[in-house]
Amino acid sequence: MLSFDSWRACRLVVDTGLHAMGWTRDQAIAYMVANTSLAENNIANEVDRYISRPGQALAYKLGQREFWRLRGLAETELGGDFDIKAFHDAVLSQGAVDMGTLEAMVEAHIAEVRGE
């Protein structure tokens, strides 16, 4: 888990380095080699994706944080009635959605579990 969190954090640094700080591809690769446990060939593929899709790493991280926030909301609101499998079914039922729609889906799930 820590290795993956480190990887996600490095994505943010590399995306910013490439698009705001003027890093070269080689500088971005070197940074990820020094700060993650990924293989260099995987890193090169990652860096190429960030070069062609500015903000992709930031969008991924924001989505992750929002997912965790909404899961925490559901856990708090439902207490002992929270079921991780039902939560996952609810958030995955419509496929890829924007964050506002995802929040509405979680709120609907909470209401449904409460019988509202």
C-alpha atoms as a PDB file:
ATOM      1  CA  MET A   1       0.000   0.000   0.000  1.00  0.00           C
ATOM      2  CA  LEU A   2       2.786   2.438   0.861  1.00  0.00           C
ATOM      3  CA  SER A   3       4.569   1.633  -2.381  1.00  0.00           C
ATOM      4  CA  PHE A   4       1.443   2.489  -4.362  1.00  0.00           C
ATOM      5  CA  ASP A   5       0.888   5.693  -2.366  1.00  0.00           C
ATOM      6  CA  SER A   6       4.474   6.701  -3.101  1.00  0.00           C
ATOM      7  CA  TRP A   7       3.866   6.006  -6.771  1.00  0.00           C
ATOM      8  CA  ARG A   8       0.716   8.153  -6.755  1.00  0.00           C
ATOM      9  CA  ALA A   9       2.554  10.996  -5.037  1.00  0.00           C
ATOM     10  CA  CYS A  10       5.373  10.797  -7.589  1.00  0.00           C
ATOM     11  CA  ARG A  11       2.827  11.018 -10.387  1.00  0.00           C
ATOM     12  CA  LEU A  12       1.773  14.431  -9.063  1.00  0.00           C
ATOM     13  CA  VAL A  13       5.358  15.637  -8.848  1.00  0.00           C
ATOM     14  CA  VAL A  14       6.195  14.378 -12.328  1.00  0.00           C
ATOM     15  CA  ASP A  15       3.051  15.813 -13.928  1.00  0.00           C
ATOM     16  CA  THR A  16       3.790  19.191 -12.345  1.00  0.00           C
ATOM     17  CA  GLY A  17       7.485  18.957 -13.184  1.00  0.00           C
ATOM     18  CA  LEU A  18       6.787  18.249 -16.836  1.00  0.00           C
ATOM     19  CA  HIS A  19       4.070  20.820 -17.405  1.00  0.00           C
ATOM     20  CA  ALA A  20       4.879  23.638 -14.978  1.00  0.00           C
ATOM     21  CA  MET A  21       8.592  23.318 -14.291  1.00  0.00           C
ATOM     22  CA  GLY A  22       9.836  22.422 -17.764  1.00  0.00           C
ATOM     23  CA  TRP A  23      11.276  19.008 -16.883  1.00  0.00           C
ATOM     24  CA  THR A  24      12.491  16.806 -19.685  1.00  0.00           C
ATOM     25  CA  ARG A  25      11.285  13.255 -20.159  1.00  0.00           C
ATOM     26  CA  ASP A  26      14.616  11.994 -18.808  1.00  0.00           C
ATOM     27  CA  GLN A  27      14.338  14.156 -15.683  1.00  0.00           C
ATOM     28  CA  ALA A  28      10.842  12.821 -15.016  1.00  0.00           C
ATOM     29  CA  ILE A  29      11.985   9.229 -15.477  1.00  0.00           C
ATOM     30  CA  ALA A  30      14.975   9.767 -13.193  1.00  0.00           C
ATOM     31  CA  TYR A  31      12.734  11.233 -10.486  1.00  0.00           C
ATOM     32  CA  MET A  32      10.391   8.245 -10.566  1.00  0.00           C
ATOM     33  CA  VAL A  33      13.258   5.757 -10.627  1.00  0.00           C
ATOM     34  CA  ALA A  34      14.691   7.396  -7.506  1.00  0.00           C
ATOM     35  CA  ASN A  35      11.376   7.625  -5.657  1.00  0.00           C
ATOM     36  CA  THR A  36       9.312   4.546  -6.543  1.00  0.00           C
ATOM     37  CA  SER A  37       9.800   0.810  -6.706  1.00  0.00           C
ATOM     38  CA  LEU A  38       8.546   0.570 -10.300  1.00  0.00           C
ATOM     39  CA  ALA A  39      10.628  -0.935 -13.073  1.00  0.00           C
ATOM     40  CA  GLU A  40      12.161   1.635 -15.415  1.00  0.00           C
ATOM     41  CA  ASN A  41      10.243   0.363 -18.456  1.00  0.00           C
ATOM     42  CA  ASN A  42       6.965   0.872 -16.550  1.00  0.00           C
ATOM     43  CA  ILE A  43       8.106   4.318 -15.477  1.00  0.00           C
ATOM     44  CA  ALA A  44       8.870   5.316 -19.055  1.00  0.00           C
ATOM     45  CA  ASN A  45       5.339   4.309 -20.079  1.00  0.00           C
ATOM     46  CA  GLU A  46       3.899   6.314 -17.177  1.00  0.00           C
ATOM     47  CA  VAL A  47       5.947   9.396 -18.016  1.00  0.00           C
ATOM     48  CA  ASP A  48       4.928   9.218 -21.674  1.00  0.00           C
ATOM     49  CA  ARG A  49       1.285   9.183 -20.589  1.00  0.00           C
ATOM     50  CA  TYR A  50       1.795  12.264 -18.387  1.00  0.00           C
ATOM     51  CA  ILE A  51       3.556  14.065 -21.239  1.00  0.00           C
ATOM     52  CA  SER A  52       0.597  13.520 -23.541  1.00  0.00           C
ATOM     53  CA  ARG A  53      -2.146  14.044 -20.925  1.00  0.00           C
ATOM     54  CA  PRO A  54      -1.414  17.060 -18.693  1.00  0.00           C
ATOM     55  CA  GLY A  55      -3.294  16.904 -15.412  1.00  0.00           C
ATOM     56  CA  GLN A  56      -4.047  13.181 -15.718  1.00  0.00           C
ATOM     57  CA  ALA A  57      -2.187  12.346 -12.510  1.00  0.00           C
ATOM     58  CA  LEU A  58      -3.943  15.135 -10.624  1.00  0.00           C
ATOM     59  CA  ALA A  59      -7.357  14.007 -11.886  1.00  0.00           C
ATOM     60  CA  TYR A  60      -6.607  10.426 -10.806  1.00  0.00           C
ATOM     61  CA  LYS A  61      -5.585  11.532  -7.318  1.00  0.00           C
ATOM     62  CA  LEU A  62      -8.587  13.828  -6.910  1.00  0.00           C
ATOM     63  CA  GLY A  63     -10.859  10.969  -7.920  1.00  0.00           C
ATOM     64  CA  GLN A  64      -9.222   8.670  -5.388  1.00  0.00           C
ATOM     65  CA  ARG A  65      -9.597  11.242  -2.612  1.00  0.00           C
ATOM     66  CA  GLU A  66     -13.259  11.825  -3.489  1.00  0.00           C
ATOM     67  CA  PHE A  67     -13.948   8.097  -3.512  1.00  0.00           C
ATOM     68  CA  TRP A  68     -12.413   7.744  -0.036  1.00  0.00           C
ATOM     69  CA  ARG A  69     -14.387  10.769   1.217  1.00  0.00           C
ATOM     70  CA  LEU A  70     -17.640   9.298  -0.041  1.00  0.00           C
ATOM     71  CA  ARG A  71     -16.849   5.906   1.422  1.00  0.00           C
ATOM     72  CA  GLY A  72     -16.174   7.573   4.787  1.00  0.00           C
ATOM     73  CA  LEU A  73     -19.479   9.423   4.507  1.00  0.00           C
ATOM     74  CA  ALA A  74     -21.345   6.179   3.850  1.00  0.00           C
ATOM     75  CA  GLU A  75     -19.561   4.414   6.707  1.00  0.00           C
ATOM     76  CA  THR A  76     -20.387   7.245   9.117  1.00  0.00           C
ATOM     77  CA  GLU A  77     -23.997   7.618   7.992  1.00  0.00           C
ATOM     78  CA  LEU A  78     -24.755   3.897   7.931  1.00  0.00           C
ATOM     79  CA  GLY A  79     -22.689   2.731  10.897  1.00  0.00           C
ATOM     80  CA  GLY A  80     -23.227  -0.995  11.412  1.00  0.00           C
ATOM     81  CA  ASP A  81     -25.418  -1.155   8.308  1.00  0.00           C
ATOM     82  CA  PHE A  82     -22.487  -0.239   6.062  1.00  0.00           C
ATOM     83  CA  ASP A  83     -21.662  -3.102   3.696  1.00  0.00           C
ATOM     84  CA  ILE A  84     -18.542  -2.663   1.568  1.00  0.00           C
ATOM     85  CA  LYS A  85     -19.841  -4.988  -1.165  1.00  0.00           C
ATOM     86  CA  ALA A  86     -23.130  -3.094  -1.437  1.00  0.00           C
ATOM     87  CA  PHE A  87     -21.228   0.199  -1.466  1.00  0.00           C
ATOM     88  CA  HIS A  88     -19.021  -1.003  -4.313  1.00  0.00           C
ATOM     89  CA  ASP A  89     -22.068  -2.233  -6.221  1.00  0.00           C
ATOM     90  CA  ALA A  90     -23.657   1.196  -5.807  1.00  0.00           C
ATOM     91  CA  VAL A  91     -20.641   3.215  -6.952  1.00  0.00           C
ATOM     92  CA  LEU A  92     -19.818   0.931  -9.872  1.00  0.00           C
ATOM     93  CA  SER A  93     -23.380   0.395 -11.104  1.00  0.00           C
ATOM     94  CA  GLN A  94     -23.348   3.263 -13.623  1.00  0.00           C
ATOM     95  CA  GLY A  95     -19.771   2.875 -14.859  1.00  0.00           C
ATOM     96  CA  ALA A  96     -17.579   5.946 -15.212  1.00  0.00           C
ATOM     97  CA  VAL A  97     -19.354   9.064 -13.930  1.00  0.00           C
ATOM     98  CA  ASP A  98     -18.324  12.561 -12.884  1.00  0.00           C
ATOM     99  CA  MET A  99     -17.736  13.289  -9.203  1.00  0.00           C
ATOM    100  CA  GLY A 100     -21.037  15.120  -8.724  1.00  0.00           C
ATOM    101  CA  THR A 101     -22.959  12.158 -10.083  1.00  0.00           C
ATOM    102  CA  LEU A 102     -20.907   9.793  -7.928  1.00  0.00           C
ATOM    103  CA  GLU A 103     -21.789  11.791  -4.820  1.00  0.00           C
ATOM    104  CA  ALA A 104     -25.482  11.674  -5.739  1.00  0.00           C
ATOM    105  CA  MET A 105     -25.216   7.904  -6.233  1.00  0.00           C
ATOM    106  CA  VAL A 106     -23.661   7.457  -2.787  1.00  0.00           C
ATOM    107  CA  GLU A 107     -26.327   9.658  -1.198  1.00  0.00           C
ATOM    108  CA  ALA A 108     -29.012   7.571  -2.931  1.00  0.00           C
ATOM    109  CA  HIS A 109     -27.347   4.386  -1.672  1.00  0.00           C
ATOM    110  CA  ILE A 110     -27.323   5.723   1.890  1.00  0.00           C
ATOM    111  CA  ALA A 111     -30.996   6.657   1.625  1.00  0.00           C
ATOM    112  CA  GLU A 112     -31.872   3.240   0.193  1.00  0.00           C
ATOM    113  CA  VAL A 113     -30.062   1.364   2.963  1.00  0.00           C
ATOM    114  CA  ARG A 114     -31.856   3.529   5.534  1.00  0.00           C
ATOM    115  CA  GLY A 115     -35.164   2.760   3.841  1.00  0.00           C
ATOM    116  CA  GLU A 116     -35.848   6.382   2.973  1.00  0.00           C
END
